[in-house]
Protein backbone atom coordinates (compact mmCIF):
# COMPACT_ATOMS: atom_id res chain seq x y z
CA MET A 1 81.22 -76.33 34.62
CA ILE A 2 81.18 -74.72 38.02
CA ARG A 3 84.25 -72.87 39.26
CA HIS A 4 84.78 -71.89 42.89
CA GLY A 5 86.43 -69.16 44.88
CA SER A 6 85.99 -68.12 48.48
CA ALA A 7 86.58 -65.12 50.70
CA VAL A 8 86.67 -64.46 54.44
CA TRP A 9 86.35 -60.94 55.89
CA ASN A 10 87.00 -59.91 59.49
CA GLY A 11 86.26 -56.54 61.07
CA THR A 12 84.90 -53.24 59.83
CA ILE A 13 85.06 -52.10 56.21
CA LYS A 14 87.99 -49.69 56.72
CA GLU A 15 89.99 -51.36 59.49
CA GLY A 16 89.17 -54.96 58.70
CA SER A 17 90.80 -57.31 56.25
CA GLY A 18 90.14 -60.53 54.50
CA THR A 19 91.55 -63.34 52.42
CA VAL A 20 90.60 -64.91 49.10
CA THR A 21 91.27 -68.52 48.13
CA THR A 22 90.84 -70.63 45.00
CA PRO A 23 90.81 -74.44 44.89
CA SER A 24 93.76 -74.43 42.46
CA GLY A 25 95.92 -72.90 45.19
CA VAL A 26 96.95 -69.94 43.01
CA LEU A 27 95.25 -67.79 45.63
CA ASN A 28 95.67 -69.29 49.07
CA ASN A 29 94.47 -67.03 51.87
CA THR A 30 95.69 -64.06 49.79
CA PRO A 31 95.06 -60.85 51.75
CA TYR A 32 92.75 -58.05 50.63
CA SER A 33 91.65 -54.90 52.41
CA PHE A 34 90.01 -51.51 52.04
CA LYS A 35 93.41 -49.88 51.49
CA LEU A 36 94.36 -52.40 48.79
CA ARG A 37 91.04 -51.84 47.08
CA PHE A 38 90.30 -48.13 47.42
CA GLU A 39 93.52 -46.37 48.40
CA ASP A 40 96.01 -47.84 45.93
CA GLU A 41 98.13 -49.21 48.76
CA SER A 42 101.21 -50.69 47.16
CA GLY A 43 104.21 -52.69 48.27
CA THR A 44 102.09 -55.27 50.02
CA ASN A 45 101.41 -58.90 49.29
CA GLY A 46 97.72 -58.68 48.56
CA THR A 47 95.04 -58.15 45.95
CA ASN A 48 91.57 -56.74 45.42
CA PRO A 49 88.49 -57.97 43.55
CA GLU A 50 88.90 -55.50 40.68
CA GLU A 51 92.48 -56.48 39.83
CA LEU A 52 91.39 -60.12 39.87
CA ILE A 53 88.57 -59.29 37.43
CA ALA A 54 91.01 -57.34 35.22
CA ALA A 55 93.43 -60.28 35.14
CA ALA A 56 90.57 -62.70 34.45
CA HIS A 57 89.33 -60.49 31.61
CA ALA A 58 92.79 -60.26 30.01
CA GLY A 59 93.19 -64.04 30.23
CA CYS A 60 89.69 -64.78 28.96
CA PHE A 61 90.04 -62.40 26.01
CA SER A 62 93.45 -63.83 25.05
CA MET A 63 92.07 -67.38 25.05
CA ALA A 64 88.95 -66.31 23.13
CA LEU A 65 91.10 -64.63 20.48
CA SER A 66 93.32 -67.71 20.25
CA GLY A 67 90.19 -69.74 19.55
CA GLN A 68 89.02 -67.26 16.90
CA LEU A 69 92.45 -67.36 15.25
CA THR A 70 92.63 -71.16 15.34
CA ARG A 71 89.20 -71.50 13.71
CA ALA A 72 90.35 -69.06 11.00
CA GLY A 73 93.52 -71.11 10.35
CA PHE A 74 96.06 -68.94 12.19
CA THR A 75 98.36 -69.62 15.12
CA ALA A 76 99.37 -66.72 17.34
CA GLU A 77 103.04 -66.43 18.13
CA SER A 78 102.01 -64.28 21.09
CA LEU A 79 98.95 -62.48 22.45
CA ALA A 80 99.94 -60.09 25.26
CA THR A 81 96.85 -58.50 26.78
CA SER A 82 96.44 -56.09 29.67
CA ALA A 83 93.15 -54.86 31.10
CA ALA A 84 92.64 -51.46 32.73
CA LEU A 85 89.49 -51.59 34.85
CA THR A 86 87.85 -48.41 36.16
CA LEU A 87 85.99 -48.51 39.48
CA GLU A 88 83.90 -45.39 40.11
CA GLN A 89 81.37 -44.12 42.61
CA LYS A 90 77.98 -44.38 40.95
CA ASP A 91 74.36 -44.45 42.09
CA GLY A 92 75.28 -44.29 45.78
CA GLY A 93 77.84 -47.09 45.59
CA PHE A 94 80.66 -48.31 43.41
CA ALA A 95 80.56 -49.77 39.91
CA ILE A 96 82.99 -51.11 37.35
CA THR A 97 82.25 -48.65 34.56
CA THR A 98 84.86 -49.44 31.91
CA VAL A 99 87.47 -51.99 30.98
CA HIS A 100 90.05 -51.16 28.33
CA LEU A 101 91.87 -54.11 26.84
CA THR A 102 95.26 -53.48 25.27
CA LEU A 103 96.56 -56.22 23.02
CA ASP A 104 100.00 -56.58 21.46
CA ALA A 105 99.87 -59.55 19.10
CA LYS A 106 102.15 -61.43 16.78
CA VAL A 107 100.14 -63.52 14.32
CA PRO A 108 102.04 -64.63 11.21
CA GLY A 109 100.22 -64.40 7.89
CA ILE A 110 97.08 -62.53 8.98
CA SER A 111 95.90 -59.28 7.43
CA ALA A 112 95.31 -56.28 9.67
CA GLU A 113 91.63 -56.25 8.66
CA GLN A 114 91.04 -59.90 9.56
CA PHE A 115 93.06 -59.52 12.78
CA HIS A 116 90.90 -56.61 13.98
CA GLU A 117 87.70 -58.43 12.99
CA LEU A 118 88.69 -61.50 15.01
CA ALA A 119 89.94 -59.41 17.96
CA ASN A 120 86.62 -57.56 18.17
CA ALA A 121 84.70 -60.85 17.95
CA ALA A 122 86.81 -62.21 20.83
CA LYS A 123 86.17 -59.05 22.88
CA ALA A 124 82.42 -59.46 22.43
CA GLY A 125 82.38 -63.24 22.87
CA CYS A 126 84.64 -63.84 25.85
CA PRO A 127 82.57 -64.96 28.88
CA VAL A 128 84.10 -62.31 31.17
CA SER A 129 83.11 -59.57 28.69
CA LYS A 130 79.59 -60.94 28.67
CA VAL A 131 79.24 -60.87 32.46
CA LEU A 132 80.51 -57.31 32.95
CA ASN A 133 78.02 -54.47 32.87
CA ALA A 134 80.66 -52.01 31.68
CA GLU A 135 81.87 -50.34 28.51
CA ILE A 136 84.63 -52.55 27.09
CA THR A 137 87.09 -51.03 24.62
CA LEU A 138 90.05 -52.53 22.77
CA THR A 139 93.30 -51.25 21.34
CA ALA A 140 94.81 -54.06 19.28
CA THR A 141 98.26 -53.84 17.72
CA LEU A 142 99.51 -56.42 15.26
CA GLY A 143 103.29 -56.51 15.20
C-alpha cells in the first residue's frame, strides 16, 4: 500500500503560507502557516502537520485496539481516543518529543487486566506509533 498527501508552500517561513491536500478530498487545499503551527493561532480554517499526526495517531491506535479486541473475542461498544502531541525545540530545530494517548473505552465483558494488556499492545503495534521517534504514553479508562 502506498498512501499520498501533498503540500504547497509559498513565501517565507513566517509570512508565507501553504496548503495540504489528500487524494480522498478530506483535505483539499487546506491552509497551514507558521502562525497555525507555532503560535497557536485559533479561529481560522486551517491545520498544521502536528495536529494531523496527532489525529492520525489517535485513529491508528483506535483501529489497532479494535483489531486486538476482535482477535481476543471482544467487540468494543466505543473507543474514544485523543492524542496530545508535544513539539519542542531540540538539537537546533524542532522535534516531536512525546505523544500521550487518552482512551475512554466501553468494551462489554472484558476484564480490566486484559483490557490494559490489549491497549498497550495496540499502542506498541500501531504503525503510527512505530514511525514516531517520541515517547508514547497511554491513559486507558474502561467504563
